[in-house]
Amino acid sequence: MKKSLFTLLLLMVLPIVMNANPAHKVTLVYDAETAKLSVTIVHPVMDTEKHFISEITVLVGDKEIEKKELTKQSTKESETYEITLPGLSKGNVITVEAKCNQFGRKSGKLTIK
């Protein structure tokens, strides 16, 4: 009985996990002249309304600057995001974390030079 229950549970969960994937890559580019941070989150999906990047969190050092919640993804290939971060100086570390609505997280870091 336990074996068949486990098999049934596995068959129900496996398709969900197979379709779920965290972001592949989080790329950060900071333009010091405009103080704009551009973020590209590579996250290929089939349906941008059912499987998407649901949350983008921006930190400078350990301080959370912004948390953006999303309800769908911009394109089937990726999500892009821009934020103005004035007052950054050499050595500041920017971290951006992307959360998939189905499974996983991925982050990227950039140190201001």
Protein backbone atom coordinates (compact mmCIF):
# COMPACT_ATOMS: atom_id res chain seq x y z
CA MET A 1 0.00 0.00 0.00
CA LYS A 2 2.76 2.45 0.94
CA LYS A 3 4.63 1.64 -2.24
CA SER A 4 1.65 2.30 -4.51
CA LEU A 5 0.80 5.52 -2.66
CA PHE A 6 4.38 6.73 -3.09
CA THR A 7 4.31 5.83 -6.80
CA LEU A 8 1.03 7.69 -7.28
CA LEU A 9 2.39 10.75 -5.49
CA LEU A 10 5.56 10.65 -7.56
CA LEU A 11 3.56 10.46 -10.80
CA MET A 12 1.52 13.49 -9.75
CA VAL A 13 4.49 15.65 -8.70
CA LEU A 14 6.99 14.69 -11.40
CA PRO A 15 5.30 16.55 -14.31
CA ILE A 16 5.16 19.75 -12.27
CA VAL A 17 8.84 19.54 -11.35
CA MET A 18 9.81 18.65 -14.93
CA ASN A 19 8.18 21.84 -16.25
CA ALA A 20 9.44 24.08 -13.46
CA ASN A 21 12.84 25.66 -13.82
CA PRO A 22 14.64 28.46 -12.05
CA ALA A 23 16.15 31.33 -14.00
CA HIS A 24 19.25 30.31 -15.95
CA LYS A 25 21.20 33.54 -15.57
CA VAL A 26 20.86 36.98 -13.97
CA THR A 27 22.94 39.70 -15.67
CA LEU A 28 23.46 43.15 -14.12
CA VAL A 29 24.73 46.26 -15.92
CA TYR A 30 25.13 49.55 -14.03
CA ASP A 31 25.51 52.90 -15.83
CA ALA A 32 27.18 55.31 -13.39
CA GLU A 33 26.27 58.38 -15.50
CA THR A 34 22.54 57.73 -15.33
CA ALA A 35 22.65 55.69 -12.07
CA LYS A 36 20.52 53.05 -13.79
CA LEU A 37 20.80 49.34 -13.14
CA SER A 38 19.61 47.13 -15.99
CA VAL A 39 18.83 43.52 -15.15
CA THR A 40 18.26 40.70 -17.62
CA ILE A 41 16.92 37.43 -16.23
CA VAL A 42 17.18 34.53 -18.68
CA HIS A 43 14.22 32.24 -17.93
CA PRO A 44 12.84 30.33 -20.95
CA VAL A 45 9.16 29.37 -20.58
CA MET A 46 6.34 28.10 -22.78
CA ASP A 47 3.54 30.18 -21.23
CA THR A 48 4.46 33.59 -19.76
CA GLU A 49 1.23 33.79 -17.73
CA LYS A 50 1.53 30.40 -16.01
CA HIS A 51 5.31 30.12 -15.56
CA PHE A 52 7.21 33.33 -14.89
CA ILE A 53 9.63 35.28 -12.73
CA SER A 54 7.35 36.23 -9.85
CA GLU A 55 9.69 38.33 -7.73
CA ILE A 56 12.78 40.48 -8.26
CA THR A 57 14.68 41.65 -5.17
CA VAL A 58 17.42 44.30 -5.36
CA LEU A 59 19.95 44.67 -2.55
CA VAL A 60 22.89 47.03 -2.10
CA GLY A 61 25.16 45.36 0.42
CA ASP A 62 22.77 43.75 2.91
CA LYS A 63 20.09 46.44 2.53
CA GLU A 64 16.99 45.59 0.51
CA ILE A 65 16.31 48.48 -1.87
CA GLU A 66 13.29 47.13 -3.72
CA LYS A 67 11.16 44.02 -4.06
CA LYS A 68 9.08 43.89 -7.23
CA GLU A 69 6.30 41.32 -7.60
CA LEU A 70 5.25 40.25 -11.09
CA THR A 71 2.20 38.38 -12.40
CA LYS A 72 3.59 37.38 -15.79
CA GLN A 73 6.84 37.39 -17.73
CA SER A 74 7.64 39.96 -20.46
CA THR A 75 8.80 37.44 -23.07
CA LYS A 76 9.14 33.67 -23.41
CA GLU A 77 12.92 34.00 -23.17
CA SER A 78 13.55 36.47 -20.37
CA GLU A 79 12.45 39.19 -17.99
CA THR A 80 14.08 42.63 -17.96
CA TYR A 81 14.05 45.18 -15.19
CA GLU A 82 15.48 48.67 -14.63
CA ILE A 83 15.92 50.64 -11.44
CA THR A 84 17.66 53.91 -10.61
CA LEU A 85 20.25 53.54 -7.85
CA PRO A 86 21.76 56.97 -7.12
CA GLY A 87 24.63 57.50 -4.73
CA LEU A 88 26.49 54.26 -5.30
CA SER A 89 30.25 54.35 -4.90
CA LYS A 90 33.24 52.18 -5.70
CA GLY A 91 33.07 48.88 -3.85
CA ASN A 92 29.28 48.79 -3.40
CA VAL A 93 27.91 45.33 -4.15
CA ILE A 94 24.54 45.04 -5.90
CA THR A 95 22.71 41.72 -5.67
CA VAL A 96 19.56 40.90 -7.63
CA GLU A 97 17.59 37.76 -6.83
CA ALA A 98 14.95 36.39 -9.20
CA LYS A 99 12.30 33.95 -7.98
CA CYS A 100 10.35 31.65 -10.30
CA ASN A 101 6.66 31.24 -9.45
CA GLN A 102 6.97 27.46 -9.84
CA PHE A 103 10.43 26.54 -8.62
CA GLY A 104 13.76 28.01 -7.67
CA ARG A 105 15.74 31.18 -7.32
CA LYS A 106 18.79 32.59 -9.08
CA SER A 107 20.86 35.63 -8.23
CA GLY A 108 23.46 37.83 -9.83
CA LYS A 109 26.02 40.20 -8.29
CA LEU A 110 27.86 43.27 -9.48
CA THR A 111 30.57 45.22 -7.67
CA ILE A 112 30.78 48.92 -8.57
CA LYS A 113 34.26 49.73 -9.89
